[in-house]
Each structure stands twice: as structure tokens, then as C-alpha cells.
Amino acid sequence: MATPRLGGIAIFAALIATLPFAPIHIEAAYGNFLLAVSVLFAAGLAEDLGWRVPPKGRLLSAVVASLLVIVMLDAWVPRIGWSVLDQVMVSGVLGIPLTIFVVVGISNAFNLIDGVNGLAGTAALVCAVALGWIAQATEYEAMMTFTALLALAIAGFLLLNYPFGLIFLGDAGAYTLGFVLAWFGVSIVLNHPDVTPWAILLTMFWPIADTLLAIYRRGLGKRPAMQPDRLHVHQLVMRSLEITWLGRDRRAVSNPLTTLVLLPFIVAPAALGVALWDQSALAFMAFVGLMVLFFLAYFVVTFLVSSGRFGRLRATAPAPAPLSEHPAE
């Protein structure tokens, strides 16, 4: 029996349930935001129900939803911490397209890491908590409430998703979580000039890094950036666990164990984002430094595997089960 991929319905329902908690002075704006979210949620849900919405269609819906937020709320990223560009960012000439690019990218990024039980949900939970912590540091009470409620909704989903995968986020859930978290980050930056956007990006570092790596990897192989593959970090970790330790037919163990193995690498950048929320230069250096380390680690490991350094393990260990639990993208 196929596992239902309708966890996004619960996530979206929980978002709607947060509307009564919005302060009166932003209740209408928050309602408009949820209306924009519904556009992306609907596209993702259509795909989850088997109506075949192509990746480009889902990305287009994320663009439309972002434009709705920008038009209805007059909101975009106003700065990146570089004075020369910040003057153009504020006017929207650069700020609007950059905001759309980042928000759409993050929405897609959470969908790309939704490949093993608990990974996307855990990354979203860590991000929500980290954003809430930054909101608390800036005394942004409304966002403290929204991030706390979202974190509770994600935690409820994880009770069914991890470790046994009784339900999956699906495209509706993954895209919606990425979109909402990205816009929560934009809102924090927009409302509190001391917050650096680089700290916000650190809170969602793992999905961003994995997506940039996928784009680079596919470009290196002269393949379309949107073409799925099975070389994401979580997939390699899962196969490595099976090859070197667990053996054949242990996907029920290797799948959730992969999320546990990756958890420190999800939490650490987010913790740096919280610590450096008002330190633009340091947050930028941390983001770039971690990205370089991420790429180096990936290519070193794949080189060792391809060069046969792990040949003995591959020759003696039983073959891993096929990747079948989750669609990688």
C-alpha cells in the first residue's frame, strides 16, 4: 500500500489556524499572505494527487505566489549588507527580483531534500525555531508567535513521518514550508534593520547547500538543472550506511538513520545564524565558509568512492536495496 503524500494538507491547515493569533494591526496582511501561500500549496497538492504538475509549473506557481506577496504587502528583501547594492535593493529594482529568486529557490530546496523520513521536516523545524529565536532577540512578537505555531505543526507532522514514514510531506508540504519560512525570514529582515539576511540564510543552510550542489553537479555533467538524480547527500549517506554497515534490505533502518546522521550538520549552521543575527560580515563569512566546506566534503567523498578506495567494502557488503521509498524530487 502506497504511503500517502498528503502531509502538506495538515501543514497548510495549521497555517490557516494561526490566523486568529495574528495581531489586529497585521491580521489583514497576514491573511493576504496565506492567500498567496494557497497558490503554491494548490500546485503542489495537484502534483501529490497525481495530476502531473511539472517542476517548472510548480516553480512558476512559487513565482506567482511571491509576486502576490510583494504586491499585496509591499515587501521584499531591503538589503544584503553591502552598502552600494543596498541603495538599489531598497527601491525594489534589485530587491524584488532577488527576493523572488531566493524565495523560489528555497521553496524548491526544501522539496529537493524531502528524500528520507524526517529530513525536510527536521530542517524546517530547526529553521522555524532559529527564526523564532532571532525574532525573540529583536522583540518581534508577532513572528515569535508565528514561528512557534509553525514549529508545533511541523513537530506534529514528524510524529507520523519519523522514523516509520507513515505519511510524507509531498510537494504541497515541502514547497509550502520552504516558501513560508523564506518569507518569515524576509519579514524579520524587513522589520528589523539590525538583522542580517546572511544569518537568515544560515538558518536554512542545508536545503540551500544541497540545491546549489545539485545545480552545480548537473551543470558539470551537462544535464538540465531540473533533471532529477540520486546523488543528493542524503541519498549517498543512506547508501553508504547500507554498504558499509547495515547490508541489504535494511532500508527501514538506513532511511531514518540518515536523518539522525545529518542532524548535527543541519543544526550547526542554524545555530550560527542565531548567534550572528546582527553581525553581517561574520554571518556572510560563515555562510560562504560552510558552503565551501560542504562542496569540498562532497567531492572528496565521491572521489574516494569512485577511485575504489572503498572497493573492499563494496565488494564484501551486500548490495543496497533500490531507492524506492521517496521520490527524490
C-alpha atoms as a PDB file:
ATOM      1  CA  MET A   1       0.000   0.000   0.000  1.00  0.00           C
ATOM      2  CA  ALA A   2       1.435   3.369  -1.051  1.00  0.00           C
ATOM      3  CA  THR A   3       2.243   5.826   1.715  1.00  0.00           C
ATOM      4  CA  PRO A   4       0.073   8.956   1.471  1.00  0.00           C
ATOM      5  CA  ARG A   5       1.943  12.089   0.363  1.00  0.00           C
ATOM      6  CA  LEU A   6      -0.625  14.461   1.813  1.00  0.00           C
ATOM      7  CA  GLY A   7       1.187  15.801   4.866  1.00  0.00           C
ATOM      8  CA  GLY A   8       1.072  19.210   3.234  1.00  0.00           C
ATOM      9  CA  ILE A   9      -2.659  19.382   3.895  1.00  0.00           C
ATOM     10  CA  ALA A  10      -2.003  19.258   7.638  1.00  0.00           C
ATOM     11  CA  ILE A  11       0.759  21.876   7.337  1.00  0.00           C
ATOM     12  CA  PHE A  12      -1.455  24.251   5.353  1.00  0.00           C
ATOM     13  CA  ALA A  13      -4.403  23.689   7.701  1.00  0.00           C
ATOM     14  CA  ALA A  14      -2.134  24.540  10.631  1.00  0.00           C
ATOM     15  CA  LEU A  15      -1.089  27.746   8.884  1.00  0.00           C
ATOM     16  CA  ILE A  16      -4.718  28.752   8.418  1.00  0.00           C
ATOM     17  CA  ALA A  17      -5.285  28.010  12.104  1.00  0.00           C
ATOM     18  CA  THR A  18      -2.601  30.582  13.021  1.00  0.00           C
ATOM     19  CA  LEU A  19      -4.646  33.450  11.535  1.00  0.00           C
ATOM     20  CA  PRO A  20      -6.612  34.135  14.762  1.00  0.00           C
ATOM     21  CA  PHE A  21      -3.293  34.576  16.571  1.00  0.00           C
ATOM     22  CA  ALA A  22      -2.179  37.416  14.300  1.00  0.00           C
ATOM     23  CA  PRO A  23      -2.126  40.839  15.998  1.00  0.00           C
ATOM     24  CA  ILE A  24      -5.034  43.001  14.886  1.00  0.00           C
ATOM     25  CA  HIS A  25      -2.827  45.538  13.105  1.00  0.00           C
ATOM     26  CA  ILE A  26      -1.365  42.876  10.786  1.00  0.00           C
ATOM     27  CA  GLU A  27      -4.307  40.474  10.607  1.00  0.00           C
ATOM     28  CA  ALA A  28      -5.345  41.590   7.120  1.00  0.00           C
ATOM     29  CA  ALA A  29      -1.772  41.483   5.832  1.00  0.00           C
ATOM     30  CA  TYR A  30      -1.233  38.011   7.269  1.00  0.00           C
ATOM     31  CA  GLY A  31      -4.486  36.852   5.705  1.00  0.00           C
ATOM     32  CA  ASN A  32      -3.265  38.120   2.327  1.00  0.00           C
ATOM     33  CA  PHE A  33      -0.002  36.270   2.867  1.00  0.00           C
ATOM     34  CA  LEU A  34      -1.841  32.997   3.493  1.00  0.00           C
ATOM     35  CA  LEU A  35      -3.885  33.646   0.355  1.00  0.00           C
ATOM     36  CA  ALA A  36      -0.649  33.864  -1.634  1.00  0.00           C
ATOM     37  CA  VAL A  37       0.628  30.682   0.032  1.00  0.00           C
ATOM     38  CA  SER A  38      -2.510  28.881  -1.141  1.00  0.00           C
ATOM     39  CA  VAL A  39      -1.446  29.334  -4.787  1.00  0.00           C
ATOM     40  CA  LEU A  40       1.740  27.344  -4.273  1.00  0.00           C
ATOM     41  CA  PHE A  41       0.020  24.856  -1.974  1.00  0.00           C
ATOM     42  CA  ALA A  42      -2.614  24.148  -4.650  1.00  0.00           C
ATOM     43  CA  ALA A  43       0.024  23.464  -7.304  1.00  0.00           C
ATOM     44  CA  GLY A  44       1.897  21.109  -5.009  1.00  0.00           C
ATOM     45  CA  LEU A  45      -1.279  19.332  -3.934  1.00  0.00           C
ATOM     46  CA  ALA A  46      -2.286  18.797  -7.554  1.00  0.00           C
ATOM     47  CA  GLU A  47       1.024  17.011  -8.131  1.00  0.00           C
ATOM     48  CA  ASP A  48       0.569  14.939  -4.958  1.00  0.00           C
ATOM     49  CA  LEU A  49      -2.862  13.855  -6.167  1.00  0.00           C
ATOM     50  CA  GLY A  50      -1.402  12.634  -9.461  1.00  0.00           C
ATOM     51  CA  TRP A  51      -2.399  15.491 -11.750  1.00  0.00           C
ATOM     52  CA  ARG A  52       1.146  15.781 -13.100  1.00  0.00           C
ATOM     53  CA  VAL A  53       2.240  19.353 -12.488  1.00  0.00           C
ATOM     54  CA  PRO A  54       5.788  19.560 -13.935  1.00  0.00           C
ATOM     55  CA  PRO A  55       8.622  21.053 -11.839  1.00  0.00           C
ATOM     56  CA  LYS A  56       8.598  24.206 -13.951  1.00  0.00           C
ATOM     57  CA  GLY A  57       4.884  24.580 -13.242  1.00  0.00           C
ATOM     58  CA  ARG A  58       5.484  24.351  -9.505  1.00  0.00           C
ATOM     59  CA  LEU A  59       8.320  26.858  -9.713  1.00  0.00           C
ATOM     60  CA  LEU A  60       6.071  29.189 -11.712  1.00  0.00           C
ATOM     61  CA  SER A  61       3.415  28.924  -9.006  1.00  0.00           C
ATOM     62  CA  ALA A  62       6.077  29.897  -6.448  1.00  0.00           C
ATOM     63  CA  VAL A  63       6.934  32.936  -8.567  1.00  0.00           C
ATOM     64  CA  VAL A  64       3.262  33.923  -8.819  1.00  0.00           C
ATOM     65  CA  ALA A  65       2.771  33.451  -5.079  1.00  0.00           C
ATOM     66  CA  SER A  66       5.847  35.587  -4.355  1.00  0.00           C
ATOM     67  CA  LEU A  67       4.621  38.332  -6.666  1.00  0.00           C
ATOM     68  CA  LEU A  68       1.296  38.305  -4.842  1.00  0.00           C
ATOM     69  CA  VAL A  69       3.071  38.788  -1.508  1.00  0.00           C
ATOM     70  CA  ILE A  70       5.178  41.602  -2.923  1.00  0.00           C
ATOM     71  CA  VAL A  71       2.189  43.396  -4.467  1.00  0.00           C
ATOM     72  CA  MET A  72      -0.208  42.925  -1.551  1.00  0.00           C
ATOM     73  CA  LEU A  73       2.269  43.551   1.270  1.00  0.00           C
ATOM     74  CA  ASP A  74       4.798  45.829  -0.448  1.00  0.00           C
ATOM     75  CA  ALA A  75       7.532  43.584   0.966  1.00  0.00           C
ATOM     76  CA  TRP A  76      10.903  42.395  -0.302  1.00  0.00           C
ATOM     77  CA  VAL A  77      14.452  41.989   0.982  1.00  0.00           C
ATOM     78  CA  PRO A  78      15.638  45.585   1.512  1.00  0.00           C
ATOM     79  CA  ARG A  79      19.372  44.910   1.932  1.00  0.00           C
ATOM     80  CA  ILE A  80      22.128  42.333   1.802  1.00  0.00           C
ATOM     81  CA  GLY A  81      24.690  44.190   3.891  1.00  0.00           C
ATOM     82  CA  TRP A  82      26.662  45.749   1.024  1.00  0.00           C
ATOM     83  CA  SER A  83      26.091  49.494   1.055  1.00  0.00           C
ATOM     84  CA  VAL A  84      26.460  50.037  -2.703  1.00  0.00           C
ATOM     85  CA  LEU A  85      23.857  47.393  -3.588  1.00  0.00           C
ATOM     86  CA  ASP A  86      21.606  48.152  -0.621  1.00  0.00           C
ATOM     87  CA  GLN A  87      20.681  51.520  -2.097  1.00  0.00           C
ATOM     88  CA  VAL A  88      19.281  49.714  -5.147  1.00  0.00           C
ATOM     89  CA  MET A  89      17.740  46.946  -3.043  1.00  0.00           C
ATOM     90  CA  VAL A  90      15.521  49.367  -1.128  1.00  0.00           C
ATOM     91  CA  SER A  91      13.999  50.770  -4.307  1.00  0.00           C
ATOM     92  CA  GLY A  92      12.973  47.326  -5.429  1.00  0.00           C
ATOM     93  CA  VAL A  93      14.865  47.442  -8.733  1.00  0.00           C
ATOM     94  CA  LEU A  94      17.202  44.754  -7.439  1.00  0.00           C
ATOM     95  CA  GLY A  95      15.379  43.823  -4.249  1.00  0.00           C
ATOM     96  CA  ILE A  96      12.224  42.454  -5.895  1.00  0.00           C
ATOM     97  CA  PRO A  97      13.840  40.096  -8.434  1.00  0.00           C
ATOM     98  CA  LEU A  98      16.403  38.947  -5.868  1.00  0.00           C
ATOM     99  CA  THR A  99      13.658  38.250  -3.338  1.00  0.00           C
ATOM    100  CA  ILE A 100      11.676  36.213  -5.867  1.00  0.00           C
ATOM    101  CA  PHE A 101      14.795  34.272  -6.854  1.00  0.00           C
ATOM    102  CA  VAL A 102      15.710  33.450  -3.252  1.00  0.00           C
ATOM    103  CA  VAL A 103      12.186  32.591  -2.099  1.00  0.00           C
ATOM    104  CA  VAL A 104      11.502  30.360  -5.101  1.00  0.00           C
ATOM    105  CA  GLY A 105      14.888  28.710  -4.685  1.00  0.00           C
ATOM    106  CA  ILE A 106      14.313  27.978  -1.005  1.00  0.00           C
ATOM    107  CA  SER A 107      10.827  26.649  -1.706  1.00  0.00           C
ATOM    108  CA  ASN A 108      12.292  24.217  -4.216  1.00  0.00           C
ATOM    109  CA  ALA A 109      15.227  23.420  -1.928  1.00  0.00           C
ATOM    110  CA  PHE A 110      13.004  22.020   0.813  1.00  0.00           C
ATOM    111  CA  ASN A 111      11.333  19.833  -1.786  1.00  0.00           C
ATOM    112  CA  LEU A 112      14.688  18.518  -3.015  1.00  0.00           C
ATOM    113  CA  ILE A 113      15.788  17.341   0.435  1.00  0.00           C
ATOM    114  CA  ASP A 114      12.490  15.552   1.055  1.00  0.00           C
ATOM    115  CA  GLY A 115      14.021  12.187   0.234  1.00  0.00           C
ATOM    116  CA  VAL A 116      14.268  10.319   3.537  1.00  0.00           C
ATOM    117  CA  ASN A 117      11.982  10.170   6.543  1.00  0.00           C
ATOM    118  CA  GLY A 118      12.161  13.274   8.694  1.00  0.00           C
ATOM    119  CA  LEU A 119      14.850  15.187   6.800  1.00  0.00           C
ATOM    120  CA  ALA A 120      12.790  18.016   5.266  1.00  0.00           C
ATOM    121  CA  GLY A 121      10.567  18.209   8.340  1.00  0.00           C
ATOM    122  CA  THR A 122      13.555  18.359  10.690  1.00  0.00           C
ATOM    123  CA  ALA A 123      15.285  21.020   8.584  1.00  0.00           C
ATOM    124  CA  ALA A 124      12.058  23.059   8.594  1.00  0.00           C
ATOM    125  CA  LEU A 125      11.637  22.616  12.349  1.00  0.00           C
ATOM    126  CA  VAL A 126      15.225  23.726  13.033  1.00  0.00           C
ATOM    127  CA  CYS A 127      14.724  26.734  10.759  1.00  0.00           C
ATOM    128  CA  ALA A 128      11.430  27.722  12.413  1.00  0.00           C
ATOM    129  CA  VAL A 129      12.993  27.528  15.878  1.00  0.00           C
ATOM    130  CA  ALA A 130      16.053  29.504  14.763  1.00  0.00           C
ATOM    131  CA  LEU A 131      13.917  32.212  13.150  1.00  0.00           C
ATOM    132  CA  GLY A 132      11.822  32.355  16.307  1.00  0.00           C
ATOM    133  CA  TRP A 133      14.969  32.820  18.352  1.00  0.00           C
ATOM    134  CA  ILE A 134      16.087  35.693  16.121  1.00  0.00           C
ATOM    135  CA  ALA A 135      12.593  37.191  16.351  1.00  0.00           C
ATOM    136  CA  GLN A 136      12.846  36.988  20.137  1.00  0.00           C
ATOM    137  CA  ALA A 137      16.230  38.754  20.073  1.00  0.00           C
ATOM    138  CA  THR A 138      14.637  41.597  18.104  1.00  0.00           C
ATOM    139  CA  GLU A 139      11.433  41.577  20.186  1.00  0.00           C
ATOM    140  CA  TYR A 140       9.382  40.841  17.055  1.00  0.00           C
ATOM    141  CA  GLU A 141       6.471  39.347  18.981  1.00  0.00           C
ATOM    142  CA  ALA A 142       4.193  38.521  16.039  1.00  0.00           C
ATOM    143  CA  MET A 143       6.921  36.488  14.344  1.00  0.00           C
ATOM    144  CA  MET A 144       7.737  34.756  17.618  1.00  0.00           C
ATOM    145  CA  THR A 145       4.141  33.560  17.681  1.00  0.00           C
ATOM    146  CA  PHE A 146       4.023  32.524  14.021  1.00  0.00           C
ATOM    147  CA  THR A 147       7.295  30.583  14.133  1.00  0.00           C
ATOM    148  CA  ALA A 148       6.306  28.847  17.376  1.00  0.00           C
ATOM    149  CA  LEU A 149       2.959  27.743  15.946  1.00  0.00           C
ATOM    150  CA  LEU A 150       4.598  26.578  12.729  1.00  0.00           C
ATOM    151  CA  ALA A 151       7.192  24.633  14.715  1.00  0.00           C
ATOM    152  CA  LEU A 152       4.415  22.890  16.642  1.00  0.00           C
ATOM    153  CA  ALA A 153       2.669  21.967  13.384  1.00  0.00           C
ATOM    154  CA  ILE A 154       5.892  20.532  11.960  1.00  0.00           C
ATOM    155  CA  ALA A 155       6.547  18.602  15.165  1.00  0.00           C
ATOM    156  CA  GLY A 156       3.077  17.084  14.907  1.00  0.00           C
ATOM    157  CA  PHE A 157       3.787  16.002  11.339  1.00  0.00           C
ATOM    158  CA  LEU A 158       7.124  14.480  12.363  1.00  0.00           C
ATOM    159  CA  LEU A 159       5.385  12.245  14.881  1.00  0.00           C
ATOM    160  CA  LEU A 160       3.868  10.395  11.911  1.00  0.00           C
ATOM    161  CA  ASN A 161       6.693  10.881   9.432  1.00  0.00           C
ATOM    162  CA  TYR A 162       9.668   9.885  11.585  1.00  0.00           C
ATOM    163  CA  PRO A 163      11.003   7.253  11.872  1.00  0.00           C
ATOM    164  CA  PHE A 164       8.493   4.980  10.128  1.00  0.00           C
ATOM    165  CA  GLY A 165       7.266   7.246   7.315  1.00  0.00           C
ATOM    166  CA  LEU A 166       3.549   6.749   7.865  1.00  0.00           C
ATOM    167  CA  ILE A 167       2.894   9.909   5.850  1.00  0.00           C
ATOM    168  CA  PHE A 168       5.061  12.127   3.634  1.00  0.00           C
ATOM    169  CA  LEU A 169       5.102  15.901   3.194  1.00  0.00           C
ATOM    170  CA  GLY A 170       4.570  15.662  -0.535  1.00  0.00           C
ATOM    171  CA  ASP A 171       5.228  18.578  -2.853  1.00  0.00           C
ATOM    172  CA  ALA A 172       2.469  20.626  -1.235  1.00  0.00           C
ATOM    173  CA  GLY A 173       4.044  20.325   2.187  1.00  0.00           C
ATOM    174  CA  ALA A 174       7.688  20.756   1.181  1.00  0.00           C
ATOM    175  CA  TYR A 175       7.121  23.728  -1.144  1.00  0.00           C
ATOM    176  CA  THR A 176       4.780  25.392   1.337  1.00  0.00           C
ATOM    177  CA  LEU A 177       7.195  25.042   4.248  1.00  0.00           C
ATOM    178  CA  GLY A 178      10.099  26.435   2.226  1.00  0.00           C
ATOM    179  CA  PHE A 179       8.000  29.333   0.952  1.00  0.00           C
ATOM    180  CA  VAL A 180       6.605  30.268   4.355  1.00  0.00           C
ATOM    181  CA  LEU A 181       9.960  30.029   6.145  1.00  0.00           C
ATOM    182  CA  ALA A 182      11.639  32.115   3.436  1.00  0.00           C
ATOM    183  CA  TRP A 183       9.015  34.857   3.749  1.00  0.00           C
ATOM    184  CA  PHE A 184       9.166  34.728   7.549  1.00  0.00           C
ATOM    185  CA  GLY A 185      12.878  35.426   7.154  1.00  0.00           C
ATOM    186  CA  VAL A 186      12.190  38.303   4.752  1.00  0.00           C
ATOM    187  CA  SER A 187       9.712  39.752   7.245  1.00  0.00           C
ATOM    188  CA  ILE A 188      12.267  39.669  10.058  1.00  0.00           C
ATOM    189  CA  VAL A 189      14.883  41.413   7.898  1.00  0.00           C
ATOM    190  CA  LEU A 190      12.332  43.950   6.660  1.00  0.00           C
ATOM    191  CA  ASN A 191      11.048  44.862  10.112  1.00  0.00           C
ATOM    192  CA  HIS A 192      14.364  44.923  11.977  1.00  0.00           C
ATOM    193  CA  PRO A 193      17.292  46.690  10.288  1.00  0.00           C
ATOM    194  CA  ASP A 194      19.852  45.117  12.640  1.00  0.00           C
ATOM    195  CA  VAL A 195      19.148  41.606  11.303  1.00  0.00           C
ATOM    196  CA  THR A 196      21.451  40.479   8.515  1.00  0.00           C
ATOM    197  CA  PRO A 197      19.976  38.419   5.667  1.00  0.00           C
ATOM    198  CA  TRP A 198      23.039  36.152   5.824  1.00  0.00           C
ATOM    199  CA  ALA A 199      22.003  34.977   9.278  1.00  0.00           C
ATOM    200  CA  ILE A 200      18.564  34.124   7.909  1.00  0.00           C
ATOM    201  CA  LEU A 201      20.172  32.092   5.124  1.00  0.00           C
ATOM    202  CA  LEU A 202      22.273  30.245   7.702  1.00  0.00           C
ATOM    203  CA  THR A 203      19.099  29.056   9.440  1.00  0.00           C
ATOM    204  CA  MET A 204      18.136  27.184   6.250  1.00  0.00           C
ATOM    205  CA  PHE A 205      21.655  26.358   5.112  1.00  0.00           C
ATOM    206  CA  TRP A 206      21.228  22.629   4.499  1.00  0.00           C
ATOM    207  CA  PRO A 207      18.478  22.770   1.833  1.00  0.00           C
ATOM    208  CA  ILE A 208      20.186  25.736   0.157  1.00  0.00           C
ATOM    209  CA  ALA A 209      23.567  23.989   0.060  1.00  0.00           C
ATOM    210  CA  ASP A 210      22.143  20.727  -1.254  1.00  0.00           C
ATOM    211  CA  THR A 211      20.266  22.552  -4.010  1.00  0.00           C
ATOM    212  CA  LEU A 212      23.286  24.606  -5.105  1.00  0.00           C
ATOM    213  CA  LEU A 213      25.327  21.415  -5.169  1.00  0.00           C
ATOM    214  CA  ALA A 214      22.678  19.692  -7.304  1.00  0.00           C
ATOM    215  CA  ILE A 215      22.684  22.597  -9.794  1.00  0.00           C
ATOM    216  CA  TYR A 216      26.489  22.581  -9.966  1.00  0.00           C
ATOM    217  CA  ARG A 217      26.658  18.797 -10.252  1.00  0.00           C
ATOM    218  CA  ARG A 218      24.153  18.668 -13.089  1.00  0.00           C
ATOM    219  CA  GLY A 219      25.817  21.569 -14.869  1.00  0.00           C
ATOM    220  CA  LEU A 220      29.147  19.765 -14.606  1.00  0.00           C
ATOM    221  CA  GLY A 221      27.548  16.746 -16.237  1.00  0.00           C
ATOM    222  CA  LYS A 222      25.878  18.969 -18.863  1.00  0.00           C
ATOM    223  CA  ARG A 223      22.448  17.882 -17.709  1.00  0.00           C
ATOM    224  CA  PRO A 224      19.404  20.142 -17.161  1.00  0.00           C
ATOM    225  CA  ALA A 225      19.333  21.734 -13.713  1.00  0.00           C
ATOM    226  CA  MET A 226      15.795  20.442 -13.202  1.00  0.00           C
ATOM    227  CA  GLN A 227      16.631  16.847 -14.106  1.00  0.00           C
ATOM    228  CA  PRO A 228      16.308  14.573 -11.051  1.00  0.00           C
ATOM    229  CA  ASP A 229      19.190  12.394  -9.903  1.00  0.00           C
ATOM    230  CA  ARG A 230      20.011  10.166  -6.960  1.00  0.00           C
ATOM    231  CA  LEU A 231      23.213  11.866  -5.882  1.00  0.00           C
ATOM    232  CA  HIS A 232      21.882  14.133  -3.147  1.00  0.00           C
ATOM    233  CA  VAL A 233      23.858  13.995   0.076  1.00  0.00           C
ATOM    234  CA  HIS A 234      21.114  12.206   1.996  1.00  0.00           C
ATOM    235  CA  GLN A 235      20.891   9.537  -0.695  1.00  0.00           C
ATOM    236  CA  LEU A 236      24.636   8.936  -0.638  1.00  0.00           C
ATOM    237  CA  VAL A 237      24.651   8.765   3.146  1.00  0.00           C
ATOM    238  CA  MET A 238      21.805   6.262   3.116  1.00  0.00           C
ATOM    239  CA  ARG A 239      23.528   4.050   0.563  1.00  0.00           C
ATOM    240  CA  SER A 240      26.810   4.314   2.469  1.00  0.00           C
ATOM    241  CA  LEU A 241      25.129   3.130   5.649  1.00  0.00           C
ATOM    242  CA  GLU A 242      23.778   0.119   3.774  1.00  0.00           C
ATOM    243  CA  ILE A 243      27.052  -0.684   2.015  1.00  0.00           C
ATOM    244  CA  THR A 244      29.390  -0.293   4.973  1.00  0.00           C
ATOM    245  CA  TRP A 245      27.259  -1.386   7.895  1.00  0.00           C
ATOM    246  CA  LEU A 246      23.633  -2.401   7.595  1.00  0.00           C
ATOM    247  CA  GLY A 247      23.603  -4.559   4.482  1.00  0.00           C
ATOM    248  CA  ARG A 248      20.854  -5.463   2.074  1.00  0.00           C
ATOM    249  CA  ASP A 249      17.154  -4.983   2.753  1.00  0.00           C
ATOM    250  CA  ARG A 250      17.661  -2.680   5.727  1.00  0.00           C
ATOM    251  CA  ARG A 251      16.168   0.431   4.172  1.00  0.00           C
ATOM    252  CA  ALA A 252      13.694   0.685   7.064  1.00  0.00           C
ATOM    253  CA  VAL A 253      16.702   1.365   9.292  1.00  0.00           C
ATOM    254  CA  SER A 254      19.045   3.257   6.969  1.00  0.00           C
ATOM    255  CA  ASN A 255      16.310   5.682   5.882  1.00  0.00           C
ATOM    256  CA  PRO A 256      15.548   7.292   9.273  1.00  0.00           C
ATOM    257  CA  LEU A 257      19.133   6.796  10.445  1.00  0.00           C
ATOM    258  CA  THR A 258      20.279   9.071   7.631  1.00  0.00           C
ATOM    259  CA  THR A 259      18.331  11.972   9.107  1.00  0.00           C
ATOM    260  CA  LEU A 260      19.895  11.298  12.506  1.00  0.00           C
ATOM    261  CA  VAL A 261      23.391  11.279  10.974  1.00  0.00           C
ATOM    262  CA  LEU A 262      22.770  14.580   9.177  1.00  0.00           C
ATOM    263  CA  LEU A 263      21.088  16.313  12.117  1.00  0.00           C
ATOM    264  CA  PRO A 264      24.264  17.978  13.504  1.00  0.00           C
ATOM    265  CA  PHE A 265      25.027  19.409  10.057  1.00  0.00           C
ATOM    266  CA  ILE A 266      21.520  20.892   9.904  1.00  0.00           C
ATOM    267  CA  VAL A 267      21.580  22.341  13.416  1.00  0.00           C
ATOM    268  CA  ALA A 268      25.109  23.816  13.439  1.00  0.00           C
ATOM    269  CA  PRO A 269      24.642  26.420  10.645  1.00  0.00           C
ATOM    270  CA  ALA A 270      21.255  27.413  12.072  1.00  0.00           C
ATOM    271  CA  ALA A 271      22.846  27.914  15.489  1.00  0.00           C
ATOM    272  CA  LEU A 272      25.481  30.122  13.844  1.00  0.00           C
ATOM    273  CA  GLY A 273      22.689  32.124  12.238  1.00  0.00           C
ATOM    274  CA  VAL A 274      21.130  32.727  15.645  1.00  0.00           C
ATOM    275  CA  ALA A 275      24.479  33.680  17.179  1.00  0.00           C
ATOM    276  CA  LEU A 276      25.379  36.055  14.333  1.00  0.00           C
ATOM    277  CA  TRP A 277      21.937  37.537  13.668  1.00  0.00           C
ATOM    278  CA  ASP A 278      23.246  41.131  13.828  1.00  0.00           C
ATOM    279  CA  GLN A 279      26.798  40.522  12.576  1.00  0.00           C
ATOM    280  CA  SER A 280      26.576  40.916   8.796  1.00  0.00           C
ATOM    281  CA  ALA A 281      30.244  40.411   7.904  1.00  0.00           C
ATOM    282  CA  LEU A 282      30.693  37.401  10.193  1.00  0.00           C
ATOM    283  CA  ALA A 283      27.436  35.803   9.056  1.00  0.00           C
ATOM    284  CA  PHE A 284      28.445  36.250   5.424  1.00  0.00           C
ATOM    285  CA  MET A 285      31.867  34.678   6.040  1.00  0.00           C
ATOM    286  CA  ALA A 286      30.250  31.823   7.951  1.00  0.00           C
ATOM    287  CA  PHE A 287      27.793  31.175   5.119  1.00  0.00           C
ATOM    288  CA  VAL A 288      30.486  31.189   2.417  1.00  0.00           C
ATOM    289  CA  GLY A 289      32.918  29.162   4.549  1.00  0.00           C
ATOM    290  CA  LEU A 290      30.343  26.469   5.307  1.00  0.00           C
ATOM    291  CA  MET A 291      29.350  26.327   1.647  1.00  0.00           C
ATOM    292  CA  VAL A 292      32.967  25.756   0.610  1.00  0.00           C
ATOM    293  CA  LEU A 293      33.354  23.024   3.230  1.00  0.00           C
ATOM    294  CA  PHE A 294      30.102  21.417   2.096  1.00  0.00           C
ATOM    295  CA  PHE A 295      31.237  21.235  -1.535  1.00  0.00           C
ATOM    296  CA  LEU A 296      34.734  20.042  -0.629  1.00  0.00           C
ATOM    297  CA  ALA A 297      33.428  17.287   1.632  1.00  0.00           C
ATOM    298  CA  TYR A 298      31.026  16.071  -1.034  1.00  0.00           C
ATOM    299  CA  PHE A 299      33.624  15.884  -3.786  1.00  0.00           C
ATOM    300  CA  VAL A 300      36.303  14.334  -1.564  1.00  0.00           C
ATOM    301  CA  VAL A 301      33.951  11.539  -0.536  1.00  0.00           C
ATOM    302  CA  THR A 302      32.693  10.917  -4.069  1.00  0.00           C
ATOM    303  CA  PHE A 303      36.303  10.870  -5.339  1.00  0.00           C
ATOM    304  CA  LEU A 304      37.280   8.270  -2.759  1.00  0.00           C
ATOM    305  CA  VAL A 305      34.322   6.119  -3.747  1.00  0.00           C
ATOM    306  CA  SER A 306      34.879   6.450  -7.492  1.00  0.00           C
ATOM    307  CA  SER A 307      38.624   5.784  -7.156  1.00  0.00           C
ATOM    308  CA  GLY A 308      37.965   2.450  -5.499  1.00  0.00           C
ATOM    309  CA  ARG A 309      39.234   3.367  -2.023  1.00  0.00           C
ATOM    310  CA  PHE A 310      36.064   1.801  -0.677  1.00  0.00           C
ATOM    311  CA  GLY A 311      36.263  -1.080  -3.116  1.00  0.00           C
ATOM    312  CA  ARG A 312      36.759  -3.749  -0.433  1.00  0.00           C
ATOM    313  CA  LEU A 313      33.676  -2.612   1.394  1.00  0.00           C
ATOM    314  CA  ARG A 314      31.657  -2.510  -1.803  1.00  0.00           C
ATOM    315  CA  ALA A 315      32.862  -5.944  -2.804  1.00  0.00           C
ATOM    316  CA  THR A 316      32.134  -7.640   0.503  1.00  0.00           C
ATOM    317  CA  ALA A 317      28.975  -5.850   1.613  1.00  0.00           C
ATOM    318  CA  PRO A 318      25.595  -6.956   0.262  1.00  0.00           C
ATOM    319  CA  ALA A 319      24.111  -4.687  -2.388  1.00  0.00           C
ATOM    320  CA  PRO A 320      21.807  -1.971  -1.017  1.00  0.00           C
ATOM    321  CA  ALA A 321      18.110  -2.022  -1.679  1.00  0.00           C
ATOM    322  CA  PRO A 322      16.899   0.193  -4.534  1.00  0.00           C
ATOM    323  CA  LEU A 323      15.914   3.759  -3.797  1.00  0.00           C
ATOM    324  CA  SER A 324      12.152   3.494  -3.703  1.00  0.00           C
ATOM    325  CA  GLU A 325      10.695   4.951  -0.525  1.00  0.00           C
ATOM    326  CA  HIS A 326      10.584   8.587  -1.534  1.00  0.00           C
ATOM    327  CA  PRO A 327      10.721  10.377  -4.827  1.00  0.00           C
ATOM    328  CA  ALA A 328      13.955  12.351  -4.676  1.00  0.00           C
ATOM    329  CA  GLU A 329      12.401  15.354  -6.372  1.00  0.00           C
END
